[in-house]
C-alpha atoms as a PDB file:
ATOM      1  CA  MET A   1     275.812 114.505 -22.700  1.00  0.00           C
ATOM      2  CA  LYS A   2     273.785 115.356 -25.771  1.00  0.00           C
ATOM      3  CA  LYS A   3     271.002 117.870 -25.318  1.00  0.00           C
ATOM      4  CA  LEU A   4     267.713 119.100 -26.690  1.00  0.00           C
ATOM      5  CA  ALA A   5     267.335 122.863 -26.394  1.00  0.00           C
ATOM      6  CA  ILE A   6     264.098 124.767 -25.855  1.00  0.00           C
ATOM      7  CA  ILE A   7     264.299 128.318 -27.242  1.00  0.00           C
ATOM      8  CA  ASP A   8     261.785 130.882 -25.982  1.00  0.00           C
ATOM      9  CA  ASP A   9     262.041 134.617 -25.303  1.00  0.00           C
ATOM     10  CA  ARG A  10     259.762 134.254 -22.267  1.00  0.00           C
ATOM     11  CA  GLU A  11     261.883 132.544 -19.650  1.00  0.00           C
ATOM     12  CA  GLU A  12     259.038 131.462 -17.375  1.00  0.00           C
ATOM     13  CA  VAL A  13     257.125 129.921 -20.285  1.00  0.00           C
ATOM     14  CA  GLY A  14     260.225 128.249 -21.715  1.00  0.00           C
ATOM     15  CA  ARG A  15     261.273 126.770 -18.391  1.00  0.00           C
ATOM     16  CA  GLY A  16     257.733 125.542 -17.876  1.00  0.00           C
ATOM     17  CA  LEU A  17     258.010 123.574 -21.108  1.00  0.00           C
ATOM     18  CA  LEU A  18     261.050 121.774 -19.700  1.00  0.00           C
ATOM     19  CA  LYS A  19     258.892 119.862 -17.209  1.00  0.00           C
ATOM     20  CA  PRO A  20     257.096 117.376 -19.519  1.00  0.00           C
ATOM     21  CA  PHE A  21     260.360 116.753 -21.370  1.00  0.00           C
ATOM     22  CA  LYS A  22     262.248 116.009 -18.150  1.00  0.00           C
ATOM     23  CA  ARG A  23     259.508 113.702 -16.869  1.00  0.00           C
ATOM     24  CA  PHE A  24     259.545 111.815 -20.188  1.00  0.00           C
ATOM     25  CA  ILE A  25     263.340 111.458 -20.095  1.00  0.00           C
ATOM     26  CA  LYS A  26     263.239 110.142 -16.542  1.00  0.00           C
ATOM     27  CA  ALA A  27     260.345 107.742 -17.227  1.00  0.00           C
ATOM     28  CA  HIS A  28     262.128 106.239 -20.245  1.00  0.00           C
ATOM     29  CA  ASN A  29     265.676 106.435 -18.825  1.00  0.00           C
ATOM     30  CA  LEU A  30     266.926 108.325 -21.881  1.00  0.00           C
ATOM     31  CA  LYS A  31     270.574 109.345 -22.142  1.00  0.00           C
ATOM     32  CA  ILE A  32     269.884 112.935 -23.131  1.00  0.00           C
ATOM     33  CA  GLU A  33     269.268 116.247 -21.382  1.00  0.00           C
ATOM     34  CA  VAL A  34     266.812 119.016 -22.150  1.00  0.00           C
ATOM     35  CA  VAL A  35     267.837 122.622 -21.485  1.00  0.00           C
ATOM     36  CA  PHE A  36     266.258 126.038 -21.810  1.00  0.00           C
ATOM     37  CA  HIS A  37     267.922 128.984 -23.533  1.00  0.00           C
ATOM     38  CA  MET A  38     266.832 132.480 -24.424  1.00  0.00           C
ATOM     39  CA  PRO A  39     267.087 133.378 -28.147  1.00  0.00           C
ATOM     40  CA  LEU A  40     270.595 134.355 -29.197  1.00  0.00           C
ATOM     41  CA  PRO A  41     271.027 137.898 -30.520  1.00  0.00           C
ATOM     42  CA  ARG A  42     272.339 136.717 -33.892  1.00  0.00           C
ATOM     43  CA  LEU A  43     271.417 133.701 -36.000  1.00  0.00           C
ATOM     44  CA  ASP A  44     275.037 133.015 -36.877  1.00  0.00           C
ATOM     45  CA  ARG A  45     275.803 132.344 -33.201  1.00  0.00           C
ATOM     46  CA  TYR A  46     273.573 129.288 -33.008  1.00  0.00           C
ATOM     47  CA  VAL A  47     275.774 126.680 -34.668  1.00  0.00           C
ATOM     48  CA  PRO A  48     278.924 127.457 -32.612  1.00  0.00           C
ATOM     49  CA  TRP A  49     276.755 127.398 -29.481  1.00  0.00           C
ATOM     50  CA  MET A  50     275.123 124.103 -30.508  1.00  0.00           C
ATOM     51  CA  ILE A  51     278.504 122.514 -31.189  1.00  0.00           C
ATOM     52  CA  SER A  52     279.893 123.751 -27.870  1.00  0.00           C
ATOM     53  CA  GLU A  53     276.902 122.491 -25.869  1.00  0.00           C
ATOM     54  CA  ASP A  54     276.378 119.265 -27.890  1.00  0.00           C
ATOM     55  CA  ILE A  55     272.858 120.317 -28.928  1.00  0.00           C
ATOM     56  CA  VAL A  56     271.268 117.691 -31.198  1.00  0.00           C
ATOM     57  CA  GLY A  57     267.752 119.105 -31.528  1.00  0.00           C
ATOM     58  CA  ILE A  58     265.835 122.369 -31.177  1.00  0.00           C
ATOM     59  CA  ILE A  59     262.332 123.081 -29.842  1.00  0.00           C
ATOM     60  CA  ALA A  60     261.614 126.726 -30.678  1.00  0.00           C
ATOM     61  CA  ASP A  61     258.693 128.956 -29.839  1.00  0.00           C
ATOM     62  CA  GLU A  62     257.331 130.499 -33.033  1.00  0.00           C
ATOM     63  CA  ASN A  63     257.021 134.003 -31.604  1.00  0.00           C
ATOM     64  CA  LEU A  64     260.535 134.976 -30.546  1.00  0.00           C
ATOM     65  CA  LEU A  65     259.968 138.733 -30.840  1.00  0.00           C
ATOM     66  CA  GLU A  66     257.850 139.383 -27.760  1.00  0.00           C
ATOM     67  CA  GLN A  67     260.953 140.319 -25.754  1.00  0.00           C
ATOM     68  CA  TYR A  68     262.936 141.739 -28.680  1.00  0.00           C
ATOM     69  CA  ILE A  69     266.236 143.378 -27.743  1.00  0.00           C
ATOM     70  CA  SER A  70     267.240 146.349 -29.900  1.00  0.00           C
ATOM     71  CA  GLY A  71     270.175 145.606 -32.198  1.00  0.00           C
ATOM     72  CA  SER A  72     269.527 141.860 -32.352  1.00  0.00           C
ATOM     73  CA  ASP A  73     268.547 139.949 -35.469  1.00  0.00           C
ATOM     74  CA  ARG A  74     264.770 139.947 -35.944  1.00  0.00           C
ATOM     75  CA  TYR A  75     263.621 136.361 -36.353  1.00  0.00           C
ATOM     76  CA  ASN A  76     260.858 133.994 -35.310  1.00  0.00           C
ATOM     77  CA  GLY A  77     260.913 130.239 -34.795  1.00  0.00           C
ATOM     78  CA  HIS A  78     260.452 129.359 -38.456  1.00  0.00           C
ATOM     79  CA  ASP A  79     263.277 131.765 -39.400  1.00  0.00           C
ATOM     80  CA  LEU A  80     265.578 130.017 -36.938  1.00  0.00           C
ATOM     81  CA  ALA A  81     264.544 126.629 -38.345  1.00  0.00           C
ATOM     82  CA  ALA A  82     265.252 127.754 -41.916  1.00  0.00           C
ATOM     83  CA  TYR A  83     268.682 129.070 -40.919  1.00  0.00           C
ATOM     84  CA  LEU A  84     269.655 125.887 -39.079  1.00  0.00           C
ATOM     85  CA  ARG A  85     268.421 123.676 -41.914  1.00  0.00           C
ATOM     86  CA  SER A  86     270.487 125.731 -44.386  1.00  0.00           C
ATOM     87  CA  VAL A  87     273.568 124.750 -42.379  1.00  0.00           C
ATOM     88  CA  ASN A  88     272.574 121.199 -41.456  1.00  0.00           C
ATOM     89  CA  SER A  89     269.574 119.806 -43.300  1.00  0.00           C
ATOM     90  CA  GLN A  90     269.203 116.844 -40.917  1.00  0.00           C
ATOM     91  CA  ILE A  91     269.041 118.576 -37.524  1.00  0.00           C
ATOM     92  CA  PRO A  92     265.648 117.984 -35.841  1.00  0.00           C
ATOM     93  CA  VAL A  93     263.788 121.281 -35.340  1.00  0.00           C
ATOM     94  CA  TYR A  94     260.250 121.562 -33.962  1.00  0.00           C
ATOM     95  CA  ILE A  95     258.152 124.706 -33.580  1.00  0.00           C
ATOM     96  CA  VAL A  96     255.808 125.264 -30.633  1.00  0.00           C
ATOM     97  CA  THR A  97     252.937 127.657 -31.226  1.00  0.00           C
ATOM     98  CA  SER A  98     249.560 128.733 -29.904  1.00  0.00           C
ATOM     99  CA  TYR A  99     248.503 129.685 -33.444  1.00  0.00           C
ATOM    100  CA  PRO A 100     249.159 126.751 -35.818  1.00  0.00           C
ATOM    101  CA  GLU A 101     247.088 128.342 -38.574  1.00  0.00           C
ATOM    102  CA  THR A 102     249.654 131.136 -38.977  1.00  0.00           C
ATOM    103  CA  GLU A 103     250.462 131.603 -42.669  1.00  0.00           C
ATOM    104  CA  SER A 104     254.223 131.847 -42.075  1.00  0.00           C
ATOM    105  CA  LEU A 105     254.218 128.401 -40.433  1.00  0.00           C
ATOM    106  CA  ILE A 106     252.104 126.762 -43.107  1.00  0.00           C
ATOM    107  CA  ASN A 107     254.153 128.262 -45.948  1.00  0.00           C
ATOM    108  CA  ASN A 108     257.505 127.297 -44.382  1.00  0.00           C
ATOM    109  CA  LYS A 109     256.677 123.856 -43.019  1.00  0.00           C
ATOM    110  CA  GLY A 110     259.424 122.270 -45.100  1.00  0.00           C
ATOM    111  CA  ASP A 111     262.029 124.037 -42.950  1.00  0.00           C
ATOM    112  CA  PHE A 112     261.234 122.060 -39.779  1.00  0.00           C
ATOM    113  CA  GLU A 113     260.000 118.655 -38.669  1.00  0.00           C
ATOM    114  CA  ASP A 114     256.588 119.834 -37.486  1.00  0.00           C
ATOM    115  CA  PHE A 115     254.778 122.482 -35.484  1.00  0.00           C
ATOM    116  CA  ILE A 116     253.036 121.502 -32.262  1.00  0.00           C
ATOM    117  CA  LYS A 117     250.277 123.322 -30.407  1.00  0.00           C
ATOM    118  CA  ARG A 118     251.525 124.557 -27.058  1.00  0.00           C
ATOM    119  CA  ILE A 119     248.416 123.200 -25.351  1.00  0.00           C
ATOM    120  CA  GLU A 120     249.518 119.657 -26.228  1.00  0.00           C
ATOM    121  CA  PHE A 121     252.217 119.949 -23.543  1.00  0.00           C
ATOM    122  CA  SER A 122     249.703 120.833 -20.820  1.00  0.00           C
ATOM    123  CA  SER A 123     249.549 117.193 -19.653  1.00  0.00           C
ATOM    124  CA  ASP A 124     251.819 114.165 -19.920  1.00  0.00           C
ATOM    125  CA  GLU A 125     249.040 112.237 -21.670  1.00  0.00           C
ATOM    126  CA  THR A 126     248.581 114.713 -24.518  1.00  0.00           C
ATOM    127  CA  ALA A 127     252.313 115.405 -24.723  1.00  0.00           C
ATOM    128  CA  LYS A 128     253.382 111.759 -25.005  1.00  0.00           C
ATOM    129  CA  PRO A 129     252.842 111.163 -28.767  1.00  0.00           C
ATOM    130  CA  PHE A 130     254.716 114.366 -29.584  1.00  0.00           C
ATOM    131  CA  LEU A 131     257.552 113.600 -27.164  1.00  0.00           C
ATOM    132  CA  ASP A 132     257.789 110.095 -28.636  1.00  0.00           C
ATOM    133  CA  ARG A 133     258.169 111.626 -32.078  1.00  0.00           C
ATOM    134  CA  ILE A 134     260.696 114.271 -30.981  1.00  0.00           C
ATOM    135  CA  PHE A 135     262.985 111.874 -29.129  1.00  0.00           C
ATOM    136  CA  ARG A 136     262.761 109.248 -31.879  1.00  0.00           C
ATOM    137  CA  ALA A 137     263.831 111.822 -34.490  1.00  0.00           C
ATOM    138  CA  THR A 138     266.669 112.963 -32.248  1.00  0.00           C
ATOM    139  CA  GLN A 139     267.878 109.413 -31.647  1.00  0.00           C
ATOM    140  CA  ILE A 140     267.903 108.673 -35.379  1.00  0.00           C
ATOM    141  CA  TYR A 141     269.823 111.888 -36.052  1.00  0.00           C
ATOM    142  CA  VAL A 142     272.452 111.083 -33.410  1.00  0.00           C
ATOM    143  CA  GLU A 143     272.869 107.470 -34.565  1.00  0.00           C
ATOM    144  CA  HIS A 144     273.301 108.488 -38.193  1.00  0.00           C
ATOM    145  CA  TYR A 145     275.899 111.130 -37.417  1.00  0.00           C
ATOM    146  CA  GLU A 146     277.828 108.900 -35.012  1.00  0.00           C
ATOM    147  CA  GLU A 147     277.956 106.312 -37.779  1.00  0.00           C
ATOM    148  CA  ASP A 148     279.110 108.944 -40.279  1.00  0.00           C
ATOM    149  CA  TYR A 149     281.958 110.084 -38.005  1.00  0.00           C
ATOM    150  CA  ASN A 150     283.078 106.479 -37.501  1.00  0.00           C
ATOM    151  CA  ASN A 151     283.005 105.807 -41.260  1.00  0.00           C
ATOM    152  CA  LEU A 152     284.959 108.986 -41.916  1.00  0.00           C
ATOM    153  CA  GLY A 153     287.714 107.793 -39.574  1.00  0.00           C
ATOM    154  CA  LYS A 154     287.886 104.358 -41.206  1.00  0.00           C
ATOM    155  CA  LEU A 155     288.052 105.797 -44.716  1.00  0.00           C
ATOM    156  CA  ALA A 156     290.694 108.338 -43.692  1.00  0.00           C
ATOM    157  CA  GLU A 157     292.793 105.482 -42.300  1.00  0.00           C
ATOM    158  CA  LYS A 158     292.425 103.550 -45.569  1.00  0.00           C
ATOM    159  CA  LEU A 159     293.502 106.629 -47.493  1.00  0.00           C
ATOM    160  CA  ALA A 160     296.570 106.993 -45.287  1.00  0.00           C
ATOM    161  CA  LEU A 161     297.522 103.352 -45.926  1.00  0.00           C
ATOM    162  CA  GLY A 162     296.933 103.637 -49.672  1.00  0.00           C
ATOM    163  CA  LEU A 163     294.186 101.009 -49.523  1.00  0.00           C
ATOM    164  CA  ILE A 164     291.229 103.170 -50.483  1.00  0.00           C
ATOM    165  CA  THR A 165     289.205 102.215 -53.573  1.00  0.00           C
ATOM    166  CA  ASP A 166     287.696 104.661 -56.052  1.00  0.00           C
ATOM    167  CA  LYS A 167     284.250 103.924 -54.640  1.00  0.00           C
ATOM    168  CA  GLU A 168     285.468 104.565 -51.085  1.00  0.00           C
ATOM    169  CA  ARG A 169     287.117 107.813 -52.181  1.00  0.00           C
ATOM    170  CA  VAL A 170     283.760 109.000 -53.522  1.00  0.00           C
ATOM    171  CA  GLU A 171     282.151 108.003 -50.206  1.00  0.00           C
ATOM    172  CA  LEU A 172     284.866 109.864 -48.289  1.00  0.00           C
ATOM    173  CA  ASN A 173     284.254 113.053 -50.264  1.00  0.00           C
ATOM    174  CA  ALA A 174     280.501 112.717 -49.740  1.00  0.00           C
ATOM    175  CA  LEU A 175     280.988 112.353 -45.977  1.00  0.00           C
ATOM    176  CA  LYS A 176     283.262 115.394 -45.876  1.00  0.00           C
ATOM    177  CA  ALA A 177     280.583 117.457 -47.602  1.00  0.00           C
ATOM    178  CA  LYS A 178     277.766 116.074 -45.444  1.00  0.00           C
ATOM    179  CA  LEU A 179     279.509 116.684 -42.117  1.00  0.00           C
ATOM    180  CA  SER A 180     280.952 120.073 -42.966  1.00  0.00           C
ATOM    181  CA  PHE A 181     279.566 123.023 -41.012  1.00  0.00           C
ATOM    182  CA  GLY A 182     281.221 125.633 -43.235  1.00  0.00           C
ATOM    183  CA  ASP A 183     284.526 127.517 -43.122  1.00  0.00           C
ATOM    184  CA  SER A 184     283.135 130.475 -41.171  1.00  0.00           C
ATOM    185  CA  ILE A 185     282.053 128.452 -38.124  1.00  0.00           C
ATOM    186  CA  GLN A 186     284.492 128.110 -35.253  1.00  0.00           C
ATOM    187  CA  ILE A 187     284.967 124.506 -34.183  1.00  0.00           C
ATOM    188  CA  LEU A 188     284.569 124.295 -30.428  1.00  0.00           C
ATOM    189  CA  ASN A 189     284.195 120.801 -29.018  1.00  0.00           C
ATOM    190  CA  LYS A 190     286.570 117.845 -29.032  1.00  0.00           C
ATOM    191  CA  LYS A 191     284.720 115.836 -31.648  1.00  0.00           C
ATOM    192  CA  GLU A 192     284.634 118.745 -34.075  1.00  0.00           C
ATOM    193  CA  MET A 193     288.298 119.531 -33.362  1.00  0.00           C
ATOM    194  CA  TRP A 194     289.108 115.912 -34.215  1.00  0.00           C
ATOM    195  CA  TYR A 195     286.941 116.114 -37.310  1.00  0.00           C
ATOM    196  CA  SER A 196     288.630 119.328 -38.478  1.00  0.00           C
ATOM    197  CA  SER A 197     292.055 117.772 -37.900  1.00  0.00           C
ATOM    198  CA  THR A 198     291.027 114.616 -39.752  1.00  0.00           C
ATOM    199  CA  LEU A 199     289.847 116.600 -42.767  1.00  0.00           C
ATOM    200  CA  LYS A 200     293.150 118.479 -42.865  1.00  0.00           C
ATOM    201  CA  LYS A 201     295.085 115.203 -42.756  1.00  0.00           C
ATOM    202  CA  VAL A 202     292.864 113.721 -45.448  1.00  0.00           C
ATOM    203  CA  LYS A 203     293.490 116.732 -47.678  1.00  0.00           C
ATOM    204  CA  ASN A 204     297.262 116.522 -47.127  1.00  0.00           C
ATOM    205  CA  LEU A 205     297.276 112.793 -47.855  1.00  0.00           C
ATOM    206  CA  GLU A 206     295.262 113.314 -51.026  1.00  0.00           C
ATOM    207  CA  GLU A 207     297.752 115.948 -52.208  1.00  0.00           C
ATOM    208  CA  LEU A 208     300.674 113.647 -51.378  1.00  0.00           C
ATOM    209  CA  ALA A 209     299.062 110.748 -53.236  1.00  0.00           C
ATOM    210  CA  ASP A 210     298.573 112.973 -56.304  1.00  0.00           C
ATOM    211  CA  LYS A 211     302.262 113.981 -56.229  1.00  0.00           C
ATOM    212  CA  PHE A 212     303.380 110.337 -56.047  1.00  0.00           C
ATOM    213  CA  GLU A 213     301.100 109.431 -58.918  1.00  0.00           C
ATOM    214  CA  GLU A 214     302.378 112.340 -60.994  1.00  0.00           C
ATOM    215  CA  LYS A 215     306.054 111.605 -60.308  1.00  0.00           C
ATOM    216  CA  PHE A 216     306.130 107.800 -60.322  1.00  0.00           C
ATOM    217  CA  GLY A 217     303.018 106.912 -62.289  1.00  0.00           C
ATOM    218  CA  ILE A 218     301.546 105.123 -59.279  1.00  0.00           C
ATOM    219  CA  ASP A 219     297.766 104.925 -59.312  1.00  0.00           C
ATOM    220  CA  GLN A 220     296.388 104.673 -55.772  1.00  0.00           C
END
């Protein structure tokens, strides 16, 4: 099942934030989980972890250095958001903070959906508009990417059958670029393994089509 992840270096505080999310999920019968996780020691470990755990949204505390472990990357919530958005510009990321006037948050607001005062989660009533917004953004993200994966499969099949149009080939290349997580990231779950395999097949088919065109003058 797809998950939202709460990232906080104070376990008790982070697990406490789970409660309003879980009550909201139960009240609205949502098909998603919310989990807590301590900050990872390196930023480049987040995407493989997110793929493995099917994480589709992040709720990060802004101050992630209160329990800093020597030798780890030094980063706060907005740094994590900027890193994730550099890899996937569509992933929903929200920052939770007790100090919304912090200059680093204001100056980097374009790197995340929004920042939310921690006190807003102190009751279900005050939390509701923010939870509505978070889960709506997550649902839109999931629906768009599910649709993209399905379209990728259909276009790859057309390519294999030699039925793809020039316009569809452009769309196929755009989808490959949009869904790519980069060559350095290990693909861990079944969907991403399928996606990686599909891209390889697409590339091989494109090369084969070029060879046929070159040898026999056949324009796909």
